[in-house]
Amino acid sequence: MKIFQPLYERAIVWSKHPRAPLILTVLSFFEAFVFPVAPEVMLAPMCLAQPKRGFRYAALSLLGSVFGMMVGYAIGHYAIDMVMPWLIDLGYGPTFESVKKEAVAHGFWMLLIAGFTPVPFKIATIAAGAVGMPLVPFFFGGLIGRGKRVFLVAGAIRLGGEKAEAALRRNVEPLGWLALVLLIGLVTWLYLQHHGA
């Protein structure tokens, strides 16, 4: 079953739109608390089309993500009871509970890691709000975690050009699943470490 490839192809179409920078910013905003498509799938082709603007595009993506993660925090803090059935329906129930425990124990570091993986950033932002994580470490953990990710993509495309984009396109499905599996493994390991302590 392919999930990431069709989303990637849709993002490629968006990347060619005249308002692509705005679409990228909005996509990054919604991805931080609800949308399943990682903004890099749009950021990469935009950077390839205009390499000199790549870091500007990365900054716009980061800006959208920062505002989105604040919405995710607010959802977790003020509306977790309404959102929890949706998270459970999507299969994130156990993961969400583990991430909440990590947000309490290692909030900044948890966001630093979550900001670098494609699927669960929204889970981390909502969980941080649900446990009332202090805003300063939440903000900087998310900013650095997501920032290193988008600027790494922009830098890789600037250095690697079409070969880097072709590699991303060819491997988007396994990379998406690998990142998800690694995150679940990491959260499980952290939960077991914390639970055993």
N, C-alpha and C. Protein backbone atom coordinates (compact mmCIF):
# COMPACT_ATOMS: atom_id res chain seq x y z
N MET A 1 0.84 -1.18 0.00
CA MET A 1 0.00 0.00 0.00
C MET A 1 0.89 1.25 0.00
N LYS A 2 0.72 2.10 -1.00
CA LYS A 2 1.51 3.32 -1.10
C LYS A 2 0.73 4.48 -0.49
N ILE A 3 1.36 5.16 0.43
CA ILE A 3 0.75 6.34 1.05
C ILE A 3 1.56 7.58 0.73
N PHE A 4 2.86 7.50 0.90
CA PHE A 4 3.72 8.68 0.77
C PHE A 4 3.93 9.08 -0.69
N GLN A 5 3.97 8.12 -1.62
CA GLN A 5 4.24 8.44 -3.02
C GLN A 5 3.13 9.30 -3.65
N PRO A 6 1.84 8.94 -3.50
CA PRO A 6 0.79 9.80 -4.08
C PRO A 6 0.79 11.20 -3.47
N LEU A 7 1.06 11.28 -2.16
CA LEU A 7 1.12 12.59 -1.52
C LEU A 7 2.29 13.40 -2.07
N TYR A 8 3.39 12.71 -2.33
CA TYR A 8 4.56 13.37 -2.90
C TYR A 8 4.23 13.91 -4.29
N GLU A 9 3.57 13.10 -5.11
CA GLU A 9 3.22 13.53 -6.47
C GLU A 9 2.29 14.74 -6.43
N ARG A 10 1.35 14.77 -5.50
CA ARG A 10 0.46 15.92 -5.36
C ARG A 10 1.26 17.16 -4.96
N ALA A 11 2.21 16.99 -4.06
CA ALA A 11 3.04 18.12 -3.63
C ALA A 11 3.90 18.65 -4.78
N ILE A 12 4.33 17.77 -5.68
CA ILE A 12 5.10 18.19 -6.86
C ILE A 12 4.26 19.14 -7.71
N VAL A 13 2.98 18.80 -7.90
CA VAL A 13 2.08 19.67 -8.66
C VAL A 13 1.96 21.03 -7.97
N TRP A 14 1.78 21.01 -6.66
CA TRP A 14 1.67 22.28 -5.91
C TRP A 14 2.93 23.12 -6.03
N SER A 15 4.10 22.45 -6.09
CA SER A 15 5.37 23.17 -6.10
C SER A 15 5.55 24.02 -7.36
N LYS A 16 4.80 23.72 -8.41
CA LYS A 16 4.91 24.46 -9.66
C LYS A 16 3.90 25.59 -9.77
N HIS A 17 3.05 25.71 -8.78
CA HIS A 17 2.03 26.75 -8.77
C HIS A 17 2.67 28.12 -8.56
N PRO A 18 2.13 29.18 -9.20
CA PRO A 18 2.70 30.52 -9.00
C PRO A 18 2.74 30.97 -7.54
N ARG A 19 1.84 30.45 -6.75
CA ARG A 19 1.82 30.81 -5.33
C ARG A 19 2.42 29.72 -4.46
N ALA A 20 3.36 28.99 -5.01
CA ALA A 20 3.99 27.87 -4.30
C ALA A 20 4.57 28.27 -2.94
N PRO A 21 5.26 29.43 -2.80
CA PRO A 21 5.77 29.79 -1.47
C PRO A 21 4.67 29.90 -0.41
N LEU A 22 3.53 30.48 -0.81
CA LEU A 22 2.40 30.60 0.12
C LEU A 22 1.84 29.21 0.44
N ILE A 23 1.69 28.38 -0.60
CA ILE A 23 1.18 27.02 -0.39
C ILE A 23 2.10 26.25 0.54
N LEU A 24 3.42 26.38 0.35
CA LEU A 24 4.39 25.70 1.21
C LEU A 24 4.24 26.15 2.66
N THR A 25 4.10 27.45 2.86
CA THR A 25 3.95 27.98 4.22
C THR A 25 2.68 27.45 4.87
N VAL A 26 1.57 27.43 4.12
CA VAL A 26 0.29 26.94 4.64
C VAL A 26 0.36 25.43 4.90
N LEU A 27 0.96 24.69 3.97
CA LEU A 27 1.15 23.25 4.16
C LEU A 27 1.95 22.96 5.42
N SER A 28 3.03 23.72 5.63
CA SER A 28 3.87 23.53 6.82
C SER A 28 3.09 23.85 8.09
N PHE A 29 2.24 24.88 8.02
CA PHE A 29 1.40 25.26 9.16
C PHE A 29 0.48 24.11 9.55
N PHE A 30 -0.26 23.58 8.58
CA PHE A 30 -1.23 22.51 8.89
C PHE A 30 -0.56 21.19 9.22
N GLU A 31 0.61 20.92 8.62
CA GLU A 31 1.31 19.66 8.91
C GLU A 31 1.73 19.59 10.37
N ALA A 32 1.96 20.72 11.00
CA ALA A 32 2.44 20.73 12.38
C ALA A 32 1.37 20.30 13.38
N PHE A 33 0.10 20.25 12.96
CA PHE A 33 -0.91 19.79 13.92
C PHE A 33 -1.98 18.88 13.33
N VAL A 34 -2.06 18.74 11.98
CA VAL A 34 -3.11 17.86 11.47
C VAL A 34 -2.77 17.19 10.13
N PHE A 35 -2.15 17.87 9.19
CA PHE A 35 -2.00 17.35 7.83
C PHE A 35 -0.92 16.29 7.75
N PRO A 36 -1.14 15.18 7.00
CA PRO A 36 -0.17 14.08 6.99
C PRO A 36 1.00 14.21 6.02
N VAL A 37 1.04 15.26 5.19
CA VAL A 37 2.10 15.38 4.19
C VAL A 37 3.23 16.25 4.74
N ALA A 38 4.44 15.70 4.77
CA ALA A 38 5.60 16.46 5.22
C ALA A 38 5.90 17.57 4.22
N PRO A 39 6.18 18.79 4.69
CA PRO A 39 6.41 19.91 3.77
C PRO A 39 7.62 19.73 2.86
N GLU A 40 8.55 18.87 3.23
CA GLU A 40 9.75 18.66 2.41
C GLU A 40 9.43 18.13 1.03
N VAL A 41 8.31 17.43 0.88
CA VAL A 41 7.97 16.90 -0.43
C VAL A 41 7.62 18.01 -1.42
N MET A 42 7.27 19.16 -0.91
CA MET A 42 7.05 20.34 -1.75
C MET A 42 8.28 21.24 -1.75
N LEU A 43 8.94 21.32 -0.61
CA LEU A 43 10.14 22.15 -0.49
C LEU A 43 11.25 21.68 -1.44
N ALA A 44 11.45 20.37 -1.55
CA ALA A 44 12.54 19.83 -2.37
C ALA A 44 12.44 20.25 -3.84
N PRO A 45 11.29 20.04 -4.51
CA PRO A 45 11.22 20.47 -5.91
C PRO A 45 11.28 21.99 -6.09
N MET A 46 10.78 22.73 -5.11
CA MET A 46 10.88 24.19 -5.19
C MET A 46 12.34 24.63 -5.12
N CYS A 47 13.10 23.99 -4.23
CA CYS A 47 14.53 24.30 -4.11
C CYS A 47 15.28 23.90 -5.37
N LEU A 48 14.86 22.81 -5.97
CA LEU A 48 15.51 22.35 -7.20
C LEU A 48 15.24 23.33 -8.35
N ALA A 49 14.00 23.82 -8.43
CA ALA A 49 13.63 24.75 -9.50
C ALA A 49 14.36 26.09 -9.37
N GLN A 50 14.55 26.54 -8.11
CA GLN A 50 15.22 27.82 -7.88
C GLN A 50 16.20 27.68 -6.71
N PRO A 51 17.36 27.09 -6.97
CA PRO A 51 18.31 26.79 -5.89
C PRO A 51 18.72 28.00 -5.05
N LYS A 52 18.81 29.16 -5.67
CA LYS A 52 19.23 30.35 -4.92
C LYS A 52 18.19 30.81 -3.92
N ARG A 53 16.96 30.37 -4.10
CA ARG A 53 15.88 30.73 -3.17
C ARG A 53 15.59 29.61 -2.16
N GLY A 54 16.37 28.54 -2.21
CA GLY A 54 16.11 27.38 -1.36
C GLY A 54 16.04 27.69 0.12
N PHE A 55 16.98 28.49 0.62
CA PHE A 55 16.98 28.80 2.05
C PHE A 55 15.83 29.73 2.43
N ARG A 56 15.41 30.56 1.47
CA ARG A 56 14.22 31.41 1.70
C ARG A 56 12.99 30.51 1.83
N TYR A 57 12.88 29.52 0.94
CA TYR A 57 11.76 28.60 1.02
C TYR A 57 11.78 27.80 2.33
N ALA A 58 12.98 27.40 2.75
CA ALA A 58 13.10 26.67 4.02
C ALA A 58 12.64 27.56 5.17
N ALA A 59 12.99 28.84 5.13
CA ALA A 59 12.57 29.77 6.19
C ALA A 59 11.06 29.93 6.21
N LEU A 60 10.43 29.98 5.03
CA LEU A 60 8.96 30.08 4.97
C LEU A 60 8.31 28.82 5.54
N SER A 61 8.88 27.67 5.22
CA SER A 61 8.37 26.41 5.75
C SER A 61 8.49 26.39 7.27
N LEU A 62 9.63 26.83 7.76
CA LEU A 62 9.84 26.87 9.21
C LEU A 62 8.86 27.83 9.88
N LEU A 63 8.64 28.98 9.26
CA LEU A 63 7.70 29.96 9.82
C LEU A 63 6.30 29.34 9.94
N GLY A 64 5.85 28.68 8.87
CA GLY A 64 4.54 28.02 8.93
C GLY A 64 4.49 26.95 10.01
N SER A 65 5.56 26.17 10.13
CA SER A 65 5.62 25.11 11.15
C SER A 65 5.56 25.67 12.56
N VAL A 66 6.24 26.78 12.78
CA VAL A 66 6.25 27.38 14.13
C VAL A 66 4.85 27.83 14.53
N PHE A 67 4.15 28.50 13.61
CA PHE A 67 2.78 28.90 13.93
C PHE A 67 1.88 27.67 14.09
N GLY A 68 2.09 26.66 13.27
CA GLY A 68 1.31 25.44 13.37
C GLY A 68 1.55 24.68 14.67
N MET A 69 2.81 24.66 15.11
CA MET A 69 3.08 23.93 16.36
C MET A 69 2.45 24.65 17.55
N MET A 70 2.29 25.98 17.46
CA MET A 70 1.62 26.70 18.54
C MET A 70 0.13 26.34 18.57
N VAL A 71 -0.46 26.15 17.38
CA VAL A 71 -1.86 25.70 17.31
C VAL A 71 -1.96 24.28 17.89
N GLY A 72 -1.01 23.40 17.51
CA GLY A 72 -1.01 22.05 18.06
C GLY A 72 -0.92 22.05 19.58
N TYR A 73 -0.07 22.92 20.12
CA TYR A 73 0.06 23.05 21.57
C TYR A 73 -1.28 23.47 22.18
N ALA A 74 -1.92 24.49 21.56
CA ALA A 74 -3.21 24.98 22.08
C ALA A 74 -4.28 23.90 22.02
N ILE A 75 -4.28 23.11 20.95
CA ILE A 75 -5.24 22.01 20.84
C ILE A 75 -5.02 21.02 21.99
N GLY A 76 -3.77 20.65 22.21
CA GLY A 76 -3.46 19.72 23.29
C GLY A 76 -3.81 20.28 24.66
N HIS A 77 -3.59 21.57 24.83
CA HIS A 77 -3.82 22.20 26.14
C HIS A 77 -5.30 22.44 26.43
N TYR A 78 -6.04 22.86 25.41
CA TYR A 78 -7.42 23.28 25.64
C TYR A 78 -8.48 22.33 25.10
N ALA A 79 -8.12 21.44 24.19
CA ALA A 79 -9.15 20.62 23.53
C ALA A 79 -8.77 19.15 23.41
N ILE A 80 -7.92 18.67 24.31
CA ILE A 80 -7.45 17.28 24.18
C ILE A 80 -8.59 16.27 24.26
N ASP A 81 -9.61 16.56 25.06
CA ASP A 81 -10.73 15.63 25.18
C ASP A 81 -11.50 15.49 23.87
N MET A 82 -11.57 16.56 23.08
CA MET A 82 -12.25 16.50 21.79
C MET A 82 -11.38 15.81 20.74
N VAL A 83 -10.08 15.95 20.84
CA VAL A 83 -9.15 15.45 19.83
C VAL A 83 -8.77 13.98 20.06
N MET A 84 -8.82 13.55 21.30
CA MET A 84 -8.35 12.20 21.64
C MET A 84 -9.06 11.09 20.86
N PRO A 85 -10.39 11.14 20.68
CA PRO A 85 -11.03 10.07 19.87
C PRO A 85 -10.49 10.01 18.44
N TRP A 86 -10.18 11.17 17.86
CA TRP A 86 -9.62 11.23 16.51
C TRP A 86 -8.23 10.58 16.49
N LEU A 87 -7.40 10.88 17.50
CA LEU A 87 -6.07 10.28 17.58
C LEU A 87 -6.16 8.76 17.73
N ILE A 88 -7.10 8.30 18.52
CA ILE A 88 -7.28 6.86 18.71
C ILE A 88 -7.75 6.21 17.41
N ASP A 89 -8.69 6.86 16.71
CA ASP A 89 -9.18 6.32 15.43
C ASP A 89 -8.06 6.20 14.40
N LEU A 90 -7.10 7.11 14.44
CA LEU A 90 -5.98 7.08 13.51
C LEU A 90 -4.88 6.09 13.94
N GLY A 91 -5.08 5.47 15.11
CA GLY A 91 -4.10 4.50 15.59
C GLY A 91 -2.96 5.10 16.39
N TYR A 92 -3.10 6.38 16.77
CA TYR A 92 -2.03 7.05 17.51
C TYR A 92 -2.22 6.99 19.03
N GLY A 93 -3.26 6.32 19.51
CA GLY A 93 -3.54 6.31 20.95
C GLY A 93 -2.36 5.92 21.81
N PRO A 94 -1.81 4.70 21.65
CA PRO A 94 -0.67 4.28 22.48
C PRO A 94 0.57 5.16 22.27
N THR A 95 0.82 5.53 21.01
CA THR A 95 1.97 6.39 20.72
C THR A 95 1.80 7.73 21.41
N PHE A 96 0.59 8.27 21.36
CA PHE A 96 0.33 9.57 21.97
C PHE A 96 0.59 9.53 23.47
N GLU A 97 0.15 8.46 24.13
CA GLU A 97 0.38 8.33 25.57
C GLU A 97 1.87 8.26 25.88
N SER A 98 2.62 7.53 25.07
CA SER A 98 4.08 7.45 25.26
C SER A 98 4.74 8.80 25.05
N VAL A 99 4.30 9.51 24.00
CA VAL A 99 4.89 10.82 23.70
C VAL A 99 4.56 11.81 24.82
N LYS A 100 3.37 11.71 25.39
CA LYS A 100 3.02 12.58 26.53
C LYS A 100 3.99 12.37 27.69
N LYS A 101 4.29 11.12 27.98
CA LYS A 101 5.23 10.83 29.07
C LYS A 101 6.61 11.38 28.75
N GLU A 102 7.02 11.27 27.49
CA GLU A 102 8.32 11.82 27.09
C GLU A 102 8.32 13.34 27.14
N ALA A 103 7.18 13.95 26.83
CA ALA A 103 7.09 15.41 26.89
C ALA A 103 7.28 15.90 28.32
N VAL A 104 6.80 15.13 29.29
CA VAL A 104 6.98 15.49 30.70
C VAL A 104 8.43 15.29 31.11
N ALA A 105 9.01 14.15 30.74
CA ALA A 105 10.36 13.80 31.18
C ALA A 105 11.46 14.51 30.40
N HIS A 106 11.29 14.62 29.09
CA HIS A 106 12.36 15.13 28.21
C HIS A 106 11.79 16.04 27.13
N GLY A 107 10.95 16.99 27.50
CA GLY A 107 10.21 17.79 26.53
C GLY A 107 11.02 18.39 25.41
N PHE A 108 12.07 19.14 25.73
CA PHE A 108 12.88 19.80 24.71
C PHE A 108 13.49 18.78 23.76
N TRP A 109 14.08 17.70 24.30
CA TRP A 109 14.75 16.69 23.48
C TRP A 109 13.76 15.90 22.66
N MET A 110 12.59 15.67 23.22
CA MET A 110 11.55 14.96 22.49
C MET A 110 11.15 15.77 21.25
N LEU A 111 10.98 17.07 21.40
CA LEU A 111 10.62 17.92 20.26
C LEU A 111 11.76 18.04 19.26
N LEU A 112 12.97 18.04 19.76
CA LEU A 112 14.13 18.11 18.88
C LEU A 112 14.14 16.90 17.94
N ILE A 113 13.81 15.73 18.46
CA ILE A 113 13.76 14.51 17.65
C ILE A 113 12.51 14.50 16.78
N ALA A 114 11.35 14.81 17.36
CA ALA A 114 10.09 14.78 16.62
C ALA A 114 10.09 15.78 15.47
N GLY A 115 10.78 16.91 15.65
CA GLY A 115 10.84 17.90 14.59
C GLY A 115 11.61 17.42 13.39
N PHE A 116 12.32 16.32 13.52
CA PHE A 116 13.15 15.82 12.43
C PHE A 116 12.53 14.63 11.72
N THR A 117 11.38 14.16 12.19
CA THR A 117 10.73 13.02 11.55
C THR A 117 9.45 13.49 10.86
N PRO A 118 9.05 12.88 9.76
CA PRO A 118 7.95 13.42 8.99
C PRO A 118 6.55 13.29 9.60
N VAL A 119 6.18 12.14 10.11
CA VAL A 119 4.79 11.92 10.47
C VAL A 119 4.39 12.47 11.83
N PRO A 120 5.15 12.27 12.90
CA PRO A 120 4.58 12.49 14.23
C PRO A 120 4.74 13.87 14.83
N PHE A 121 5.23 14.88 14.10
CA PHE A 121 5.43 16.19 14.72
C PHE A 121 4.14 16.70 15.33
N LYS A 122 3.02 16.46 14.66
CA LYS A 122 1.73 16.89 15.18
C LYS A 122 1.41 16.19 16.50
N ILE A 123 1.80 14.93 16.62
CA ILE A 123 1.56 14.20 17.87
C ILE A 123 2.37 14.83 18.99
N ALA A 124 3.60 15.22 18.69
CA ALA A 124 4.46 15.84 19.70
C ALA A 124 3.93 17.20 20.13
N THR A 125 3.47 18.01 19.17
CA THR A 125 2.99 19.35 19.54
C THR A 125 1.71 19.26 20.38
N ILE A 126 0.81 18.36 20.00
CA ILE A 126 -0.43 18.19 20.76
C ILE A 126 -0.13 17.62 22.14
N ALA A 127 0.77 16.63 22.20
CA ALA A 127 1.14 16.02 23.49
C ALA A 127 1.78 17.04 24.41
N ALA A 128 2.64 17.91 23.87
CA ALA A 128 3.29 18.93 24.70
C ALA A 128 2.26 19.85 25.32
N GLY A 129 1.24 20.22 24.55
CA GLY A 129 0.17 21.06 25.11
C GLY A 129 -0.66 20.31 26.13
N ALA A 130 -0.91 19.02 25.88
CA ALA A 130 -1.73 18.22 26.79
C ALA A 130 -1.11 18.11 28.17
N VAL A 131 0.23 18.08 28.23
CA VAL A 131 0.90 17.94 29.54
C VAL A 131 1.34 19.30 30.10
N GLY A 132 1.03 20.38 29.37
CA GLY A 132 1.40 21.71 29.86
C GLY A 132 2.90 21.96 29.87
N MET A 133 3.60 21.44 28.86
CA MET A 133 5.04 21.67 28.77
C MET A 133 5.31 23.18 28.76
N PRO A 134 6.33 23.67 29.48
CA PRO A 134 6.64 25.10 29.46
C PRO A 134 6.89 25.59 28.03
N LEU A 135 6.39 26.78 27.72
CA LEU A 135 6.42 27.28 26.35
C LEU A 135 7.82 27.55 25.80
N VAL A 136 8.75 27.99 26.63
CA VAL A 136 10.09 28.32 26.12
C VAL A 136 10.80 27.08 25.58
N PRO A 137 10.93 25.98 26.36
CA PRO A 137 11.56 24.79 25.78
C PRO A 137 10.74 24.19 24.63
N PHE A 138 9.41 24.32 24.71
CA PHE A 138 8.57 23.84 23.61
C PHE A 138 8.90 24.59 22.33
N PHE A 139 8.94 25.91 22.42
CA PHE A 139 9.20 26.74 21.24
C PHE A 139 10.58 26.44 20.64
N PHE A 140 11.61 26.45 21.49
CA PHE A 140 12.97 26.26 20.96
C PHE A 140 13.23 24.82 20.51
N GLY A 141 12.64 23.84 21.20
CA GLY A 141 12.78 22.46 20.76
C GLY A 141 12.17 22.24 19.39
N GLY A 142 10.95 22.78 19.20
CA GLY A 142 10.28 22.66 17.91
C GLY A 142 10.98 23.46 16.83
N LEU A 143 11.43 24.67 17.17
CA LEU A 143 12.11 25.54 16.20
C LEU A 143 13.39 24.90 15.69
N ILE A 144 14.21 24.39 16.60
CA ILE A 144 15.48 23.77 16.21
C ILE A 144 15.23 22.44 15.49
N GLY A 145 14.33 21.61 16.06
CA GLY A 145 14.05 20.31 15.46
C GLY A 145 13.52 20.43 14.04
N ARG A 146 12.56 21.29 13.83
CA ARG A 146 12.00 21.46 12.49
C ARG A 146 12.94 22.26 11.60
N GLY A 147 13.61 23.24 12.18
CA GLY A 147 14.53 24.08 11.40
C GLY A 147 15.67 23.29 10.79
N LYS A 148 16.27 22.40 11.57
CA LYS A 148 17.39 21.63 11.02
C LYS A 148 16.92 20.73 9.89
N ARG A 149 15.68 20.29 9.97
CA ARG A 149 15.15 19.41 8.95
C ARG A 149 14.95 20.14 7.62
N VAL A 150 14.26 21.29 7.64
CA VAL A 150 13.97 21.97 6.37
C VAL A 150 15.23 22.59 5.77
N PHE A 151 16.14 23.09 6.60
CA PHE A 151 17.36 23.67 6.06
C PHE A 151 18.31 22.58 5.55
N LEU A 152 18.23 21.39 6.14
CA LEU A 152 19.02 20.27 5.63
C LEU A 152 18.54 19.88 4.23
N VAL A 153 17.23 19.85 4.03
CA VAL A 153 16.68 19.54 2.71
C VAL A 153 17.11 20.59 1.70
N ALA A 154 16.97 21.87 2.06
CA ALA A 154 17.35 22.95 1.14
C ALA A 154 18.85 22.88 0.81
N GLY A 155 19.66 22.62 1.81
CA GLY A 155 21.10 22.52 1.59
C GLY A 155 21.47 21.32 0.74
N ALA A 156 20.80 20.18 0.98
CA ALA A 156 21.10 18.97 0.19
C ALA A 156 20.73 19.18 -1.27
N ILE A 157 19.59 19.82 -1.51
CA ILE A 157 19.18 20.08 -2.89
C ILE A 157 20.14 21.07 -3.54
N ARG A 158 20.58 22.07 -2.79
CA ARG A 158 21.54 23.05 -3.35
C ARG A 158 22.85 22.36 -3.74
N LEU A 159 23.29 21.43 -2.90
CA LEU A 159 24.55 20.72 -3.18
C LEU A 159 24.36 19.58 -4.18
N GLY A 160 23.26 18.84 -4.06
CA GLY A 160 23.08 17.64 -4.87
C GLY A 160 22.29 17.83 -6.14
N GLY A 161 21.53 18.92 -6.24
CA GLY A 161 20.77 19.22 -7.45
C GLY A 161 19.77 18.15 -7.82
N GLU A 162 19.66 17.88 -9.10
CA GLU A 162 18.65 16.95 -9.61
C GLU A 162 18.83 15.53 -9.07
N LYS A 163 20.07 15.14 -8.81
CA LYS A 163 20.30 13.78 -8.28
C LYS A 163 19.67 13.63 -6.90
N ALA A 164 19.77 14.67 -6.07
CA ALA A 164 19.18 14.61 -4.73
C ALA A 164 17.66 14.52 -4.81
N GLU A 165 17.06 15.32 -5.69
CA GLU A 165 15.60 15.29 -5.84
C GLU A 165 15.15 13.95 -6.40
N ALA A 166 15.89 13.42 -7.37
CA ALA A 166 15.54 12.12 -7.96
C ALA A 166 15.62 11.01 -6.91
N ALA A 167 16.63 11.08 -6.05
CA ALA A 167 16.77 10.08 -4.98
C ALA A 167 15.60 10.19 -4.00
N LEU A 168 15.19 11.42 -3.68
CA LEU A 168 14.04 11.61 -2.79
C LEU A 168 12.78 11.03 -3.43
N ARG A 169 12.55 11.35 -4.70
CA ARG A 169 11.35 10.85 -5.39
C ARG A 169 11.34 9.32 -5.45
N ARG A 170 12.48 8.73 -5.76
CA ARG A 170 12.59 7.27 -5.91
C ARG A 170 12.37 6.55 -4.57
N ASN A 171 12.77 7.20 -3.49
CA ASN A 171 12.75 6.53 -2.18
C ASN A 171 11.76 7.12 -1.19
N VAL A 172 10.84 7.96 -1.64
CA VAL A 172 9.95 8.63 -0.71
C VAL A 172 9.09 7.65 0.10
N GLU A 173 8.61 6.59 -0.55
CA GLU A 173 7.77 5.62 0.16
C GLU A 173 8.55 4.88 1.25
N PRO A 174 9.69 4.24 0.92
CA PRO A 174 10.43 3.56 1.98
C PRO A 174 10.96 4.52 3.05
N LEU A 175 11.36 5.73 2.65
CA LEU A 175 11.85 6.69 3.64
C LEU A 175 10.75 7.11 4.59
N GLY A 176 9.55 7.33 4.06
CA GLY A 176 8.42 7.70 4.91
C GLY A 176 8.10 6.60 5.93
N TRP A 177 8.04 5.35 5.45
CA TRP A 177 7.75 4.23 6.35
C TRP A 177 8.90 4.00 7.33
N LEU A 178 10.14 4.14 6.85
CA LEU A 178 11.29 3.96 7.73
C LEU A 178 11.28 4.98 8.86
N ALA A 179 11.00 6.23 8.51
CA ALA A 179 10.95 7.27 9.54
C ALA A 179 9.85 6.97 10.56
N LEU A 180 8.71 6.50 10.09
CA LEU A 180 7.61 6.17 10.99
C LEU A 180 7.99 5.01 11.91
N VAL A 181 8.59 3.96 11.35
CA VAL A 181 9.00 2.80 12.15
C VAL A 181 10.06 3.20 13.17
N LEU A 182 11.04 4.01 12.74
CA LEU A 182 12.08 4.46 13.66
C LEU A 182 11.50 5.28 14.80
N LEU A 183 10.55 6.13 14.48
CA LEU A 183 9.94 6.94 15.53
C LEU A 183 9.18 6.07 16.53
N ILE A 184 8.40 5.13 16.02
CA ILE A 184 7.66 4.24 16.92
C ILE A 184 8.63 3.44 17.79
N GLY A 185 9.72 2.97 17.17
CA GLY A 185 10.74 2.25 17.94
C GLY A 185 11.38 3.12 19.00
N LEU A 186 11.69 4.37 18.64
CA LEU A 186 12.31 5.29 19.59
C LEU A 186 11.37 5.61 20.75
N VAL A 187 10.11 5.90 20.41
CA VAL A 187 9.13 6.21 21.46
C VAL A 187 8.94 5.00 22.37
N THR A 188 8.87 3.80 21.79
CA THR A 188 8.72 2.58 22.59
C THR A 188 9.93 2.39 23.50
N TRP A 189 11.12 2.57 22.96
CA TRP A 189 12.34 2.42 23.76
C TRP A 189 12.37 3.44 24.90
N LEU A 190 12.05 4.70 24.59
CA LEU A 190 12.04 5.73 25.64
C LEU A 190 10.99 5.42 26.70
N TYR A 191 9.84 4.92 26.25
CA TYR A 191 8.79 4.56 27.20
C TYR A 191 9.26 3.43 28.12
N LEU A 192 9.88 2.41 27.52
CA LEU A 192 10.36 1.29 28.32
C LEU A 192 11.46 1.72 29.29
N GLN A 193 12.34 2.62 28.83
CA GLN A 193 13.40 3.13 29.70
C GLN A 193 12.80 3.88 30.87
N HIS A 194 11.82 4.72 30.56
CA HIS A 194 11.19 5.53 31.61
C HIS A 194 10.33 4.66 32.53
N HIS A 195 9.61 3.71 31.93
CA HIS A 195 8.74 2.84 32.71
C HIS A 195 9.53 1.92 33.62
N GLY A 196 10.69 1.49 33.14
CA GLY A 196 11.52 0.59 33.94
C GLY A 196 12.25 1.30 35.06
N ALA A 197 12.38 2.67 34.95
CA ALA A 197 13.13 3.42 35.96
C ALA A 197 12.36 3.55 37.25
